[in-house]
N, C-alpha and C. Protein backbone atom coordinates (compact mmCIF):
# COMPACT_ATOMS: atom_id res chain seq x y z
N MET A 1 24.11 -16.27 -18.37
CA MET A 1 23.07 -15.70 -17.55
C MET A 1 21.76 -16.42 -17.82
N GLY A 2 20.78 -15.75 -18.28
CA GLY A 2 19.48 -16.38 -18.54
C GLY A 2 18.94 -15.93 -19.88
N LYS A 3 17.92 -16.60 -20.29
CA LYS A 3 17.28 -16.26 -21.56
C LYS A 3 16.46 -14.99 -21.37
N LYS A 4 16.65 -14.03 -22.28
CA LYS A 4 15.90 -12.77 -22.20
C LYS A 4 14.50 -12.97 -22.74
N ILE A 5 13.53 -12.35 -22.07
CA ILE A 5 12.13 -12.44 -22.47
C ILE A 5 11.63 -11.03 -22.74
N ASP A 6 10.99 -10.83 -23.89
CA ASP A 6 10.45 -9.51 -24.16
C ASP A 6 9.14 -9.31 -23.40
N ALA A 7 8.65 -8.08 -23.42
CA ALA A 7 7.47 -7.73 -22.62
C ALA A 7 6.22 -8.48 -23.07
N LYS A 8 6.05 -8.67 -24.36
CA LYS A 8 4.85 -9.35 -24.86
C LYS A 8 4.82 -10.80 -24.40
N ALA A 9 5.97 -11.48 -24.45
CA ALA A 9 6.03 -12.87 -24.01
C ALA A 9 5.82 -12.97 -22.50
N ALA A 10 6.33 -12.00 -21.75
CA ALA A 10 6.17 -12.02 -20.29
C ALA A 10 4.71 -11.83 -19.89
N LEU A 11 3.97 -11.01 -20.63
CA LEU A 11 2.57 -10.77 -20.30
C LEU A 11 1.66 -11.92 -20.73
N SER A 12 2.09 -12.68 -21.74
CA SER A 12 1.23 -13.74 -22.24
C SER A 12 1.50 -15.09 -21.59
N THR A 13 2.56 -15.22 -20.81
CA THR A 13 2.83 -16.51 -20.16
C THR A 13 1.94 -16.66 -18.93
N PRO A 14 1.39 -17.83 -18.70
CA PRO A 14 0.54 -18.03 -17.53
C PRO A 14 1.38 -18.09 -16.24
N VAL A 15 0.74 -17.73 -15.15
CA VAL A 15 1.40 -17.79 -13.84
C VAL A 15 1.41 -19.25 -13.40
N GLU A 16 2.60 -19.76 -13.07
CA GLU A 16 2.70 -21.17 -12.69
C GLU A 16 2.02 -21.45 -11.36
N ASP A 17 2.29 -20.63 -10.37
CA ASP A 17 1.70 -20.83 -9.05
C ASP A 17 0.62 -19.78 -8.84
N LYS A 18 -0.60 -20.20 -8.71
CA LYS A 18 -1.74 -19.27 -8.60
C LYS A 18 -1.74 -18.50 -7.28
N ARG A 19 -0.97 -18.95 -6.30
CA ARG A 19 -0.90 -18.23 -5.02
C ARG A 19 -0.24 -16.87 -5.19
N VAL A 20 0.55 -16.71 -6.25
CA VAL A 20 1.19 -15.42 -6.50
C VAL A 20 0.14 -14.34 -6.69
N ILE A 21 -0.94 -14.67 -7.37
CA ILE A 21 -2.01 -13.70 -7.60
C ILE A 21 -2.63 -13.26 -6.28
N LEU A 22 -2.83 -14.21 -5.36
CA LEU A 22 -3.37 -13.88 -4.04
C LEU A 22 -2.45 -12.91 -3.31
N PHE A 23 -1.15 -13.16 -3.35
CA PHE A 23 -0.23 -12.28 -2.64
C PHE A 23 -0.07 -10.93 -3.34
N MET A 24 -0.35 -10.87 -4.65
CA MET A 24 -0.38 -9.57 -5.32
C MET A 24 -1.56 -8.74 -4.82
N VAL A 25 -2.69 -9.40 -4.57
CA VAL A 25 -3.85 -8.71 -4.01
C VAL A 25 -3.54 -8.24 -2.59
N VAL A 26 -2.87 -9.08 -1.80
CA VAL A 26 -2.48 -8.71 -0.43
C VAL A 26 -1.54 -7.51 -0.47
N LYS A 27 -0.58 -7.54 -1.39
CA LYS A 27 0.36 -6.42 -1.51
C LYS A 27 -0.38 -5.14 -1.90
N GLY A 28 -1.35 -5.24 -2.81
CA GLY A 28 -2.13 -4.08 -3.21
C GLY A 28 -2.95 -3.51 -2.07
N PHE A 29 -3.52 -4.40 -1.23
CA PHE A 29 -4.28 -3.94 -0.06
C PHE A 29 -3.36 -3.22 0.92
N GLY A 30 -2.15 -3.75 1.11
CA GLY A 30 -1.18 -3.09 1.98
C GLY A 30 -0.80 -1.71 1.46
N MET A 31 -0.64 -1.61 0.14
CA MET A 31 -0.31 -0.32 -0.45
C MET A 31 -1.47 0.66 -0.28
N PHE A 32 -2.70 0.16 -0.42
CA PHE A 32 -3.88 1.00 -0.21
C PHE A 32 -3.90 1.55 1.22
N LEU A 33 -3.64 0.70 2.21
CA LEU A 33 -3.62 1.16 3.60
C LEU A 33 -2.51 2.17 3.83
N SER A 34 -1.34 1.94 3.25
CA SER A 34 -0.22 2.87 3.41
C SER A 34 -0.55 4.25 2.85
N VAL A 35 -1.07 4.27 1.65
CA VAL A 35 -1.39 5.55 1.01
C VAL A 35 -2.52 6.25 1.76
N THR A 36 -3.52 5.48 2.20
CA THR A 36 -4.62 6.07 2.97
C THR A 36 -4.10 6.70 4.25
N GLY A 37 -3.21 6.02 4.94
CA GLY A 37 -2.63 6.58 6.16
C GLY A 37 -1.82 7.82 5.91
N MET A 38 -1.05 7.83 4.82
CA MET A 38 -0.23 9.01 4.51
C MET A 38 -1.09 10.21 4.13
N VAL A 39 -2.14 9.98 3.37
CA VAL A 39 -3.05 11.08 3.02
C VAL A 39 -3.76 11.57 4.28
N GLY A 40 -4.13 10.65 5.16
CA GLY A 40 -4.75 11.04 6.42
C GLY A 40 -3.82 11.89 7.27
N ILE A 41 -2.55 11.52 7.30
CA ILE A 41 -1.57 12.33 8.05
C ILE A 41 -1.46 13.72 7.44
N ALA A 42 -1.47 13.78 6.11
CA ALA A 42 -1.38 15.09 5.45
C ALA A 42 -2.60 15.95 5.77
N PHE A 43 -3.77 15.34 5.90
CA PHE A 43 -4.96 16.11 6.28
C PHE A 43 -4.92 16.51 7.75
N VAL A 44 -4.57 15.58 8.62
CA VAL A 44 -4.58 15.87 10.06
C VAL A 44 -3.49 16.88 10.42
N ALA A 45 -2.31 16.72 9.84
CA ALA A 45 -1.21 17.63 10.16
C ALA A 45 -1.46 19.04 9.64
N GLY A 46 -2.27 19.17 8.59
CA GLY A 46 -2.66 20.49 8.17
C GLY A 46 -2.28 20.94 6.78
N PRO A 47 -1.17 20.48 6.19
CA PRO A 47 -0.81 21.10 4.91
C PRO A 47 -1.80 20.81 3.77
N LEU A 48 -2.36 19.62 3.73
CA LEU A 48 -3.23 19.28 2.61
C LEU A 48 -4.57 20.01 2.68
N ASN A 49 -5.12 20.14 3.87
CA ASN A 49 -6.41 20.85 3.95
C ASN A 49 -6.22 22.35 3.75
N ARG A 50 -5.04 22.90 4.05
CA ARG A 50 -4.78 24.31 3.75
C ARG A 50 -4.62 24.53 2.24
N ILE A 51 -3.96 23.57 1.58
CA ILE A 51 -3.77 23.69 0.13
C ILE A 51 -5.11 23.58 -0.59
N LEU A 52 -5.92 22.59 -0.20
CA LEU A 52 -7.20 22.38 -0.86
C LEU A 52 -8.29 23.33 -0.38
N GLY A 53 -8.08 23.95 0.78
CA GLY A 53 -9.04 24.91 1.29
C GLY A 53 -10.30 24.29 1.86
N ILE A 54 -10.20 23.08 2.40
CA ILE A 54 -11.37 22.44 3.00
C ILE A 54 -11.15 22.28 4.50
N LYS A 55 -12.25 22.29 5.20
CA LYS A 55 -12.19 22.11 6.66
C LYS A 55 -12.53 20.66 6.95
N ILE A 56 -11.67 20.00 7.72
CA ILE A 56 -11.91 18.60 8.03
C ILE A 56 -12.47 18.47 9.45
N VAL A 57 -13.18 17.39 9.65
CA VAL A 57 -13.69 17.05 10.97
C VAL A 57 -12.90 15.83 11.42
N THR A 58 -12.27 15.92 12.57
CA THR A 58 -11.45 14.80 13.03
C THR A 58 -12.33 13.67 13.53
N ILE A 59 -11.81 12.46 13.43
CA ILE A 59 -12.56 11.27 13.81
C ILE A 59 -12.78 11.23 15.32
N PHE A 60 -11.68 11.40 16.06
CA PHE A 60 -11.76 11.31 17.52
C PHE A 60 -11.94 12.67 18.19
N GLY A 61 -11.89 13.74 17.42
CA GLY A 61 -11.98 15.06 18.02
C GLY A 61 -10.67 15.54 18.59
N ASN A 62 -9.61 14.78 18.39
CA ASN A 62 -8.30 15.12 18.91
C ASN A 62 -7.29 14.88 17.79
N ILE A 63 -6.49 15.88 17.49
CA ILE A 63 -5.54 15.76 16.38
C ILE A 63 -4.49 14.70 16.65
N LEU A 64 -4.04 14.57 17.88
CA LEU A 64 -3.01 13.58 18.20
C LEU A 64 -3.53 12.16 17.99
N LEU A 65 -4.74 11.86 18.44
CA LEU A 65 -5.30 10.52 18.26
C LEU A 65 -5.55 10.22 16.78
N ASP A 66 -5.99 11.21 16.03
CA ASP A 66 -6.19 11.02 14.59
C ASP A 66 -4.87 10.78 13.89
N PHE A 67 -3.84 11.53 14.28
CA PHE A 67 -2.51 11.33 13.70
C PHE A 67 -1.99 9.93 14.00
N LEU A 68 -2.17 9.47 15.24
CA LEU A 68 -1.71 8.13 15.60
C LEU A 68 -2.47 7.04 14.84
N LEU A 69 -3.76 7.24 14.62
CA LEU A 69 -4.54 6.28 13.83
C LEU A 69 -4.02 6.21 12.40
N CYS A 70 -3.78 7.36 11.79
CA CYS A 70 -3.27 7.38 10.41
C CYS A 70 -1.86 6.80 10.35
N PHE A 71 -1.05 7.08 11.35
CA PHE A 71 0.30 6.52 11.39
C PHE A 71 0.24 5.01 11.54
N LEU A 72 -0.67 4.52 12.36
CA LEU A 72 -0.86 3.08 12.53
C LEU A 72 -1.31 2.43 11.22
N LEU A 73 -2.20 3.08 10.50
CA LEU A 73 -2.62 2.58 9.18
C LEU A 73 -1.42 2.48 8.23
N THR A 74 -0.56 3.48 8.24
CA THR A 74 0.60 3.49 7.38
C THR A 74 1.56 2.36 7.74
N VAL A 75 1.80 2.15 9.01
CA VAL A 75 2.72 1.09 9.45
C VAL A 75 2.15 -0.29 9.14
N ILE A 76 0.89 -0.51 9.43
CA ILE A 76 0.26 -1.81 9.15
C ILE A 76 0.23 -2.07 7.65
N GLY A 77 -0.10 -1.05 6.87
CA GLY A 77 -0.10 -1.20 5.42
C GLY A 77 1.27 -1.52 4.87
N GLY A 78 2.30 -0.88 5.40
CA GLY A 78 3.67 -1.18 4.98
C GLY A 78 4.08 -2.59 5.33
N ALA A 79 3.66 -3.06 6.51
CA ALA A 79 3.99 -4.43 6.91
C ALA A 79 3.28 -5.45 6.01
N ILE A 80 2.01 -5.21 5.71
CA ILE A 80 1.27 -6.12 4.84
C ILE A 80 1.89 -6.14 3.44
N GLU A 81 2.27 -4.96 2.95
CA GLU A 81 2.90 -4.88 1.63
C GLU A 81 4.24 -5.62 1.62
N PHE A 82 5.02 -5.48 2.67
CA PHE A 82 6.31 -6.16 2.78
C PHE A 82 6.14 -7.68 2.78
N VAL A 83 5.19 -8.17 3.56
CA VAL A 83 4.95 -9.62 3.63
C VAL A 83 4.45 -10.14 2.28
N GLY A 84 3.53 -9.42 1.65
CA GLY A 84 3.04 -9.83 0.35
C GLY A 84 4.16 -9.89 -0.69
N ASP A 85 5.02 -8.88 -0.68
CA ASP A 85 6.13 -8.84 -1.62
C ASP A 85 7.13 -9.98 -1.35
N ALA A 86 7.38 -10.28 -0.08
CA ALA A 86 8.29 -11.37 0.25
C ALA A 86 7.75 -12.71 -0.24
N PHE A 87 6.45 -12.95 -0.07
CA PHE A 87 5.87 -14.19 -0.55
C PHE A 87 5.86 -14.26 -2.08
N ILE A 88 5.64 -13.13 -2.74
CA ILE A 88 5.67 -13.12 -4.20
C ILE A 88 7.07 -13.49 -4.69
N LYS A 89 8.09 -12.91 -4.09
CA LYS A 89 9.46 -13.23 -4.49
C LYS A 89 9.80 -14.68 -4.18
N HIS A 90 9.31 -15.19 -3.05
CA HIS A 90 9.58 -16.58 -2.69
C HIS A 90 8.92 -17.55 -3.66
N LEU A 91 7.68 -17.28 -4.03
CA LEU A 91 6.96 -18.17 -4.93
C LEU A 91 7.42 -18.04 -6.38
N SER A 92 7.96 -16.88 -6.74
CA SER A 92 8.40 -16.69 -8.12
C SER A 92 9.79 -17.27 -8.37
N ALA A 93 10.53 -17.51 -7.33
CA ALA A 93 11.91 -18.02 -7.52
C ALA A 93 11.94 -19.49 -7.87
């Protein structure tokens, strides 16, 4: 198989291709958009604001449009995260 590397050695080795760091940032941004969209859906759909007891003001004044915006954020964030992860795996191989 391959040579086993412990955690300390893995953390101390330098990254060979610096583009991996860029795609890690891209993946993190995609994850941020995904989580933001999901939290937005939880607020717009109602369960989170009932649990926390706060009244929200919708962006567009329409729950359906706000839900679609948050859903779009989640989908775009997932796509960005997927592309970032694919490039990280490609560059690390």
